[in-house]
PDB file of all heavy atoms in Angstrom:
ATOM      1  N   GLY A   1      48.459 162.548  55.665  1.00  0.00           N
ATOM      2  CA  GLY A   1      47.804 162.813  56.733  1.00  0.00           C
ATOM      3  C   GLY A   1      47.925 161.717  57.877  1.00  0.00           C
ATOM      4  O   GLY A   1      47.801 160.575  57.410  1.00  0.00           O
ATOM      5  N   GLY A   2      48.278 162.116  59.006  1.00  0.00           N
ATOM      6  CA  GLY A   2      48.433 161.092  60.005  1.00  0.00           C
ATOM      7  C   GLY A   2      47.082 160.665  60.675  1.00  0.00           C
ATOM      8  O   GLY A   2      46.285 161.509  61.046  1.00  0.00           O
ATOM      9  N   ILE A   3      46.822 159.420  60.521  1.00  0.00           N
ATOM     10  CA  ILE A   3      45.468 158.944  61.014  1.00  0.00           C
ATOM     11  C   ILE A   3      45.474 158.626  62.526  1.00  0.00           C
ATOM     12  O   ILE A   3      44.521 158.945  63.188  1.00  0.00           O
ATOM     13  CB  ILE A   3      45.072 157.560  60.277  1.00  0.00           C
ATOM     14  CG1 ILE A   3      44.979 157.945  58.772  1.00  0.00           C
ATOM     15  CG2 ILE A   3      43.718 157.097  60.720  1.00  0.00           C
ATOM     16  CD1 ILE A   3      43.931 158.988  58.391  1.00  0.00           C
ATOM     17  N   LYS A   4      46.627 157.925  63.021  1.00  0.00           N
ATOM     18  CA  LYS A   4      46.595 157.683  64.450  1.00  0.00           C
ATOM     19  C   LYS A   4      47.073 158.888  65.303  1.00  0.00           C
ATOM     20  O   LYS A   4      47.864 159.587  64.865  1.00  0.00           O
ATOM     21  CB  LYS A   4      47.540 156.446  64.684  1.00  0.00           C
ATOM     22  CG  LYS A   4      47.000 155.120  63.933  1.00  0.00           C
ATOM     23  CD  LYS A   4      47.847 153.909  64.376  1.00  0.00           C
ATOM     24  CE  LYS A   4      47.308 152.660  63.719  1.00  0.00           C
ATOM     25  NZ  LYS A   4      46.000 152.357  64.231  1.00  0.00           N
ATOM     26  N   SER A   5      46.454 158.917  66.397  1.00  0.00           N
ATOM     27  CA  SER A   5      46.831 160.090  67.205  1.00  0.00           C
ATOM     28  C   SER A   5      48.290 160.185  67.761  1.00  0.00           C
ATOM     29  O   SER A   5      48.761 161.294  68.161  1.00  0.00           O
ATOM     30  CB  SER A   5      45.935 160.190  68.557  1.00  0.00           C
ATOM     31  OG  SER A   5      45.954 158.997  69.247  1.00  0.00           O
ATOM     32  N   LYS A   6      48.871 158.955  67.704  1.00  0.00           N
ATOM     33  CA  LYS A   6      50.281 158.970  68.123  1.00  0.00           C
ATOM     34  C   LYS A   6      51.319 159.605  67.137  1.00  0.00           C
ATOM     35  O   LYS A   6      52.430 159.858  67.481  1.00  0.00           O
ATOM     36  CB  LYS A   6      50.775 157.559  68.522  1.00  0.00           C
ATOM     37  CG  LYS A   6      50.714 156.517  67.278  1.00  0.00           C
ATOM     38  CD  LYS A   6      51.025 155.216  67.755  1.00  0.00           C
ATOM     39  CE  LYS A   6      50.883 154.119  66.651  1.00  0.00           C
ATOM     40  NZ  LYS A   6      51.051 152.696  67.120  1.00  0.00           N
ATOM     41  N   THR A   7      50.806 159.841  65.971  1.00  0.00           N
ATOM     42  CA  THR A   7      51.711 160.443  64.954  1.00  0.00           C
ATOM     43  C   THR A   7      51.574 161.856  65.048  1.00  0.00           C
ATOM     44  O   THR A   7      50.478 162.470  65.239  1.00  0.00           O
ATOM     45  CB  THR A   7      51.397 159.973  63.441  1.00  0.00           C
ATOM     46  OG1 THR A   7      50.026 160.341  63.212  1.00  0.00           O
ATOM     47  CG2 THR A   7      51.618 158.555  63.289  1.00  0.00           C
ATOM     48  N   ALA A   8      52.642 162.654  64.864  1.00  0.00           N
ATOM     49  CA  ALA A   8      52.727 164.062  64.948  1.00  0.00           C
ATOM     50  C   ALA A   8      53.155 164.645  63.608  1.00  0.00           C
ATOM     51  O   ALA A   8      53.847 164.035  62.790  1.00  0.00           O
ATOM     52  CB  ALA A   8      53.545 164.445  66.086  1.00  0.00           C
ATOM     53  N   VAL A   9      52.737 166.010  63.398  1.00  0.00           N
ATOM     54  CA  VAL A   9      53.146 166.656  62.201  1.00  0.00           C
ATOM     55  C   VAL A   9      54.738 166.667  62.265  1.00  0.00           C
ATOM     56  O   VAL A   9      55.329 166.986  63.214  1.00  0.00           O
ATOM     57  CB  VAL A   9      52.656 168.196  62.122  1.00  0.00           C
ATOM     58  CG1 VAL A   9      53.211 168.946  61.073  1.00  0.00           C
ATOM     59  CG2 VAL A   9      51.124 168.087  61.934  1.00  0.00           C
ATOM     60  N   GLY A  10      55.374 166.304  61.089  1.00  0.00           N
ATOM     61  CA  GLY A  10      56.778 166.367  60.956  1.00  0.00           C
ATOM     62  C   GLY A  10      57.300 164.867  61.134  1.00  0.00           C
ATOM     63  O   GLY A  10      58.527 164.685  60.861  1.00  0.00           O
ATOM     64  N   ASP A  11      56.527 163.976  61.577  1.00  0.00           N
ATOM     65  CA  ASP A  11      56.924 162.568  61.667  1.00  0.00           C
ATOM     66  C   ASP A  11      57.200 162.056  60.276  1.00  0.00           C
ATOM     67  O   ASP A  11      56.520 162.415  59.302  1.00  0.00           O
ATOM     68  CB  ASP A  11      55.951 161.735  62.558  1.00  0.00           C
ATOM     69  CG  ASP A  11      55.965 161.941  63.993  1.00  0.00           C
ATOM     70  OD1 ASP A  11      56.758 162.702  64.394  1.00  0.00           O
ATOM     71  OD2 ASP A  11      55.176 161.249  64.581  1.00  0.00           O
ATOM     72  N   LEU A  12      58.078 160.947  60.255  1.00  0.00           N
ATOM     73  CA  LEU A  12      58.255 160.343  59.046  1.00  0.00           C
ATOM     74  C   LEU A  12      57.620 158.958  59.073  1.00  0.00           C
ATOM     75  O   LEU A  12      57.632 158.150  60.052  1.00  0.00           O
ATOM     76  CB  LEU A  12      59.723 160.115  58.729  1.00  0.00           C
ATOM     77  CG  LEU A  12      60.650 161.360  58.481  1.00  0.00           C
ATOM     78  CD1 LEU A  12      62.067 160.992  58.473  1.00  0.00           C
ATOM     79  CD2 LEU A  12      60.188 162.016  57.153  1.00  0.00           C
ATOM     80  N   ILE A  13      57.035 158.468  57.944  1.00  0.00           N
ATOM     81  CA  ILE A  13      56.320 157.197  57.946  1.00  0.00           C
ATOM     82  C   ILE A  13      56.985 156.380  56.720  1.00  0.00           C
ATOM     83  O   ILE A  13      57.072 156.928  55.557  1.00  0.00           O
ATOM     84  CB  ILE A  13      54.948 157.250  57.646  1.00  0.00           C
ATOM     85  CG1 ILE A  13      54.140 157.899  59.074  1.00  0.00           C
ATOM     86  CG2 ILE A  13      54.281 155.863  57.496  1.00  0.00           C
ATOM     87  CD1 ILE A  13      52.642 158.008  58.830  1.00  0.00           C
ATOM     88  N   LEU A  14      57.527 155.235  56.917  1.00  0.00           N
ATOM     89  CA  LEU A  14      58.142 154.337  55.975  1.00  0.00           C
ATOM     90  C   LEU A  14      57.087 153.282  55.752  1.00  0.00           C
ATOM     91  O   LEU A  14      57.068 152.315  56.473  1.00  0.00           O
ATOM     92  CB  LEU A  14      59.474 153.796  56.533  1.00  0.00           C
ATOM     93  CG  LEU A  14      60.296 152.979  55.517  1.00  0.00           C
ATOM     94  CD1 LEU A  14      60.805 154.079  54.329  1.00  0.00           C
ATOM     95  CD2 LEU A  14      61.561 152.459  56.185  1.00  0.00           C
ATOM     96  N   PRO A  15      56.285 153.356  54.666  1.00  0.00           N
ATOM     97  CA  PRO A  15      55.114 152.324  54.564  1.00  0.00           C
ATOM     98  C   PRO A  15      55.669 151.040  54.091  1.00  0.00           C
ATOM     99  O   PRO A  15      56.586 150.884  53.261  1.00  0.00           O
ATOM    100  CB  PRO A  15      54.376 152.975  53.492  1.00  0.00           C
ATOM    101  CG  PRO A  15      55.266 153.883  52.679  1.00  0.00           C
ATOM    102  CD  PRO A  15      56.195 154.431  53.696  1.00  0.00           C
ATOM    103  N   ILE A  16      55.198 149.967  54.742  1.00  0.00           N
ATOM    104  CA  ILE A  16      55.525 148.602  54.307  1.00  0.00           C
ATOM    105  C   ILE A  16      54.439 148.138  53.324  1.00  0.00           C
ATOM    106  O   ILE A  16      54.698 147.117  52.667  1.00  0.00           O
ATOM    107  CB  ILE A  16      55.647 147.711  55.519  1.00  0.00           C
ATOM    108  CG1 ILE A  16      54.270 147.721  56.408  1.00  0.00           C
ATOM    109  CG2 ILE A  16      56.775 148.095  56.445  1.00  0.00           C
ATOM    110  CD1 ILE A  16      54.194 146.719  57.472  1.00  0.00           C
ATOM    111  N   ALA A  17      53.280 148.730  53.144  1.00  0.00           N
ATOM    112  CA  ALA A  17      52.389 148.424  52.081  1.00  0.00           C
ATOM    113  C   ALA A  17      51.369 149.546  52.046  1.00  0.00           C
ATOM    114  O   ALA A  17      51.296 150.474  52.918  1.00  0.00           O
ATOM    115  CB  ALA A  17      51.657 147.110  52.554  1.00  0.00           C
ATOM    116  N   ALA A  18      50.533 149.590  51.068  1.00  0.00           N
ATOM    117  CA  ALA A  18      49.620 150.515  50.809  1.00  0.00           C
ATOM    118  C   ALA A  18      48.264 149.930  50.312  1.00  0.00           C
ATOM    119  O   ALA A  18      48.291 148.879  49.710  1.00  0.00           O
ATOM    120  CB  ALA A  18      50.069 151.571  49.722  1.00  0.00           C
ATOM    121  N   ILE A  19      47.128 150.487  50.883  1.00  0.00           N
ATOM    122  CA  ILE A  19      45.802 149.970  50.484  1.00  0.00           C
ATOM    123  C   ILE A  19      45.457 150.727  49.184  1.00  0.00           C
ATOM    124  O   ILE A  19      45.422 151.908  49.246  1.00  0.00           O
ATOM    125  CB  ILE A  19      44.852 150.009  51.711  1.00  0.00           C
ATOM    126  CG1 ILE A  19      45.385 149.240  52.886  1.00  0.00           C
ATOM    127  CG2 ILE A  19      43.554 149.751  51.353  1.00  0.00           C
ATOM    128  CD1 ILE A  19      44.518 149.382  54.066  1.00  0.00           C
ATOM    129  N   ARG A  20      44.896 149.976  48.388  1.00  0.00           N
ATOM    130  CA  ARG A  20      44.598 150.579  46.975  1.00  0.00           C
ATOM    131  C   ARG A  20      43.092 151.002  47.008  1.00  0.00           C
ATOM    132  O   ARG A  20      42.159 150.493  46.360  1.00  0.00           O
ATOM    133  CB  ARG A  20      44.720 149.530  45.943  1.00  0.00           C
ATOM    134  CG  ARG A  20      46.228 149.000  45.794  1.00  0.00           C
ATOM    135  CD  ARG A  20      46.255 147.810  44.899  1.00  0.00           C
ATOM    136  NE  ARG A  20      45.551 147.901  43.696  1.00  0.00           N
ATOM    137  CZ  ARG A  20      45.210 146.805  42.868  1.00  0.00           C
ATOM    138  NH1 ARG A  20      45.629 145.627  43.316  1.00  0.00           N
ATOM    139  NH2 ARG A  20      44.480 146.920  41.890  1.00  0.00           N
ATOM    140  N   GLY A  21      42.805 152.182  47.674  1.00  0.00           N
ATOM    141  CA  GLY A  21      41.498 152.708  47.733  1.00  0.00           C
ATOM    142  C   GLY A  21      41.257 153.760  46.506  1.00  0.00           C
ATOM    143  O   GLY A  21      40.221 154.403  46.493  1.00  0.00           O
ATOM    144  N   GLU A  22      42.221 153.996  45.728  1.00  0.00           N
ATOM    145  CA  GLU A  22      42.176 154.984  44.723  1.00  0.00           C
ATOM    146  C   GLU A  22      41.605 154.681  43.373  1.00  0.00           C
ATOM    147  O   GLU A  22      41.091 155.468  42.661  1.00  0.00           O
ATOM    148  CB  GLU A  22      43.505 155.649  44.367  1.00  0.00           C
ATOM    149  CG  GLU A  22      44.757 154.754  44.550  1.00  0.00           C
ATOM    150  CD  GLU A  22      44.896 153.548  43.624  1.00  0.00           C
ATOM    151  OE1 GLU A  22      45.327 153.509  42.597  1.00  0.00           O
ATOM    152  OE2 GLU A  22      44.338 152.470  44.148  1.00  0.00           O
ATOM    153  N   GLY A  23      41.372 153.334  43.055  1.00  0.00           N
ATOM    154  CA  GLY A  23      40.805 152.989  41.872  1.00  0.00           C
ATOM    155  C   GLY A  23      41.740 152.962  40.638  1.00  0.00           C
ATOM    156  O   GLY A  23      41.557 152.106  39.756  1.00  0.00           O
ATOM    157  N   THR A  24      42.650 153.784  40.540  1.00  0.00           N
ATOM    158  CA  THR A  24      43.492 153.920  39.411  1.00  0.00           C
ATOM    159  C   THR A  24      44.290 152.679  39.133  1.00  0.00           C
ATOM    160  O   THR A  24      44.356 152.028  38.030  1.00  0.00           O
ATOM    161  CB  THR A  24      44.521 155.058  39.514  1.00  0.00           C
ATOM    162  OG1 THR A  24      43.825 156.267  39.631  1.00  0.00           O
ATOM    163  CG2 THR A  24      45.450 155.092  38.339  1.00  0.00           C
ATOM    164  N   SER A  25      44.837 152.006  40.283  1.00  0.00           N
ATOM    165  CA  SER A  25      45.579 150.703  40.153  1.00  0.00           C
ATOM    166  C   SER A  25      44.826 149.599  39.643  1.00  0.00           C
ATOM    167  O   SER A  25      45.405 148.564  39.261  1.00  0.00           O
ATOM    168  CB  SER A  25      46.265 150.470  41.474  1.00  0.00           C
ATOM    169  OG  SER A  25      45.306 150.358  42.515  1.00  0.00           O
ATOM    170  N   ASN A  26      43.387 149.653  39.701  1.00  0.00           N
ATOM    171  CA  ASN A  26      42.713 148.641  39.140  1.00  0.00           C
ATOM    172  C   ASN A  26      42.771 148.461  37.653  1.00  0.00           C
ATOM    173  O   ASN A  26      42.398 147.326  37.213  1.00  0.00           O
ATOM    174  CB  ASN A  26      41.091 148.831  39.517  1.00  0.00           C
ATOM    175  CG  ASN A  26      40.825 148.720  41.056  1.00  0.00           C
ATOM    176  OD1 ASN A  26      41.739 148.088  41.804  1.00  0.00           O
ATOM    177  ND2 ASN A  26      39.732 149.316  41.570  1.00  0.00           N
ATOM    178  N   ASP A  27      43.303 149.463  37.031  1.00  0.00           N
ATOM    179  CA  ASP A  27      43.547 149.428  35.551  1.00  0.00           C
ATOM    180  C   ASP A  27      44.832 148.438  35.360  1.00  0.00           C
ATOM    181  O   ASP A  27      45.191 148.132  34.140  1.00  0.00           O
ATOM    182  CB  ASP A  27      43.624 150.677  34.894  1.00  0.00           C
ATOM    183  CG  ASP A  27      42.300 151.441  34.821  1.00  0.00           C
ATOM    184  OD1 ASP A  27      41.318 150.708  34.716  1.00  0.00           O
ATOM    185  OD2 ASP A  27      42.264 152.579  34.920  1.00  0.00           O
ATOM    186  N   TYR A  28      45.629 148.163  36.361  1.00  0.00           N
ATOM    187  CA  TYR A  28      46.937 147.549  36.225  1.00  0.00           C
ATOM    188  C   TYR A  28      46.816 146.046  36.802  1.00  0.00           C
ATOM    189  O   TYR A  28      47.428 145.166  36.234  1.00  0.00           O
ATOM    190  CB  TYR A  28      47.980 148.307  36.937  1.00  0.00           C
ATOM    191  CG  TYR A  28      48.151 149.621  36.235  1.00  0.00           C
ATOM    192  CD1 TYR A  28      47.439 150.656  36.571  1.00  0.00           C
ATOM    193  CD2 TYR A  28      49.265 149.730  35.312  1.00  0.00           C
ATOM    194  CE1 TYR A  28      47.670 151.928  35.912  1.00  0.00           C
ATOM    195  CE2 TYR A  28      49.485 151.036  34.649  1.00  0.00           C
ATOM    196  CZ  TYR A  28      48.668 152.050  34.998  1.00  0.00           C
ATOM    197  OH  TYR A  28      48.951 153.357  34.377  1.00  0.00           O
ATOM    198  N   PHE A  29      46.066 145.856  37.979  1.00  0.00           N
ATOM    199  CA  PHE A  29      46.102 144.564  38.617  1.00  0.00           C
ATOM    200  C   PHE A  29      44.601 144.428  39.170  1.00  0.00           C
ATOM    201  O   PHE A  29      43.875 145.329  39.531  1.00  0.00           O
ATOM    202  CB  PHE A  29      47.045 144.527  39.699  1.00  0.00           C
ATOM    203  CG  PHE A  29      48.494 144.416  39.238  1.00  0.00           C
ATOM    204  CD1 PHE A  29      49.357 145.552  39.419  1.00  0.00           C
ATOM    205  CD2 PHE A  29      48.997 143.320  38.651  1.00  0.00           C
ATOM    206  CE1 PHE A  29      50.644 145.413  39.103  1.00  0.00           C
ATOM    207  CE2 PHE A  29      50.306 143.298  38.210  1.00  0.00           C
ATOM    208  CZ  PHE A  29      51.163 144.265  38.429  1.00  0.00           C
ATOM    209  N   PRO A  30      44.210 143.153  39.412  1.00  0.00           N
ATOM    210  CA  PRO A  30      42.935 142.866  40.096  1.00  0.00           C
ATOM    211  C   PRO A  30      43.118 143.327  41.589  1.00  0.00           C
ATOM    212  O   PRO A  30      44.248 143.541  42.042  1.00  0.00           O
ATOM    213  CB  PRO A  30      42.967 141.317  40.080  1.00  0.00           C
ATOM    214  CG  PRO A  30      43.827 140.837  39.015  1.00  0.00           C
ATOM    215  CD  PRO A  30      44.909 141.913  38.815  1.00  0.00           C
ATOM    216  N   PRO A  31      41.932 143.628  42.160  1.00  0.00           N
ATOM    217  CA  PRO A  31      41.961 144.248  43.618  1.00  0.00           C
ATOM    218  C   PRO A  31      42.735 143.420  44.598  1.00  0.00           C
ATOM    219  O   PRO A  31      43.292 144.059  45.526  1.00  0.00           O
ATOM    220  CB  PRO A  31      40.531 144.295  43.849  1.00  0.00           C
ATOM    221  CG  PRO A  31      39.712 144.300  42.576  1.00  0.00           C
ATOM    222  CD  PRO A  31      40.677 143.458  41.665  1.00  0.00           C
ATOM    223  N   GLU A  32      42.963 142.029  44.412  1.00  0.00           N
ATOM    224  CA  GLU A  32      43.541 141.360  45.510  1.00  0.00           C
ATOM    225  C   GLU A  32      45.074 141.397  45.455  1.00  0.00           C
ATOM    226  O   GLU A  32      45.770 140.881  46.316  1.00  0.00           O
ATOM    227  CB  GLU A  32      43.147 139.829  45.473  1.00  0.00           C
ATOM    228  CG  GLU A  32      43.469 139.078  44.006  1.00  0.00           C
ATOM    229  CD  GLU A  32      42.386 139.234  43.019  1.00  0.00           C
ATOM    230  OE1 GLU A  32      41.515 140.158  43.088  1.00  0.00           O
ATOM    231  OE2 GLU A  32      42.348 138.339  42.154  1.00  0.00           O
ATOM    232  N   VAL A  33      45.660 142.024  44.376  1.00  0.00           N
ATOM    233  CA  VAL A  33      46.999 142.218  44.345  1.00  0.00           C
ATOM    234  C   VAL A  33      47.556 143.308  45.272  1.00  0.00           C
ATOM    235  O   VAL A  33      47.142 144.369  45.036  1.00  0.00           O
ATOM    236  CB  VAL A  33      47.604 142.400  42.860  1.00  0.00           C
ATOM    237  CG1 VAL A  33      49.066 142.572  42.804  1.00  0.00           C
ATOM    238  CG2 VAL A  33      47.078 141.213  41.910  1.00  0.00           C
ATOM    239  N   PRO A  34      48.366 143.042  46.249  1.00  0.00           N
ATOM    240  CA  PRO A  34      48.886 144.068  47.147  1.00  0.00           C
ATOM    241  C   PRO A  34      49.828 144.992  46.493  1.00  0.00           C
ATOM    242  O   PRO A  34      50.548 144.750  45.611  1.00  0.00           O
ATOM    243  CB  PRO A  34      49.634 143.269  48.262  1.00  0.00           C
ATOM    244  CG  PRO A  34      50.026 142.061  47.541  1.00  0.00           C
ATOM    245  CD  PRO A  34      49.095 141.639  46.489  1.00  0.00           C
ATOM    246  N   ALA A  35      49.707 146.238  47.147  1.00  0.00           N
ATOM    247  CA  ALA A  35      50.704 147.322  46.614  1.00  0.00           C
ATOM    248  C   ALA A  35      51.719 147.349  47.642  1.00  0.00           C
ATOM    249  O   ALA A  35      51.612 147.832  48.773  1.00  0.00           O
ATOM    250  CB  ALA A  35      49.894 148.749  46.548  1.00  0.00           C
ATOM    251  N   LEU A  36      52.981 146.790  47.173  1.00  0.00           N
ATOM    252  CA  LEU A  36      54.218 146.709  48.041  1.00  0.00           C
ATOM    253  C   LEU A  36      55.259 147.492  47.408  1.00  0.00           C
ATOM    254  O   LEU A  36      55.445 147.440  46.270  1.00  0.00           O
ATOM    255  CB  LEU A  36      54.437 145.376  48.222  1.00  0.00           C
ATOM    256  CG  LEU A  36      53.321 144.424  48.753  1.00  0.00           C
ATOM    257  CD1 LEU A  36      53.896 143.006  48.740  1.00  0.00           C
ATOM    258  CD2 LEU A  36      52.967 144.787  50.238  1.00  0.00           C
ATOM    259  N   PRO A  37      56.124 148.076  48.352  1.00  0.00           N
ATOM    260  CA  PRO A  37      57.485 148.665  47.833  1.00  0.00           C
ATOM    261  C   PRO A  37      58.561 147.651  47.659  1.00  0.00           C
ATOM    262  O   PRO A  37      58.373 146.475  48.079  1.00  0.00           O
ATOM    263  CB  PRO A  37      57.778 149.663  48.941  1.00  0.00           C
ATOM    264  CG  PRO A  37      57.341 148.816  50.184  1.00  0.00           C
ATOM    265  CD  PRO A  37      55.937 148.205  49.772  1.00  0.00           C
TER     266      PRO A  37
END
């Protein structure tokens, strides 16, 4: 889902990082470890 109004349906987003709001990743790393590609 696009959060900013400047993004449009059909746009591509190449993430440089992700924020771990899901909780699942906490079983793998402490919260301060960034999620990076």
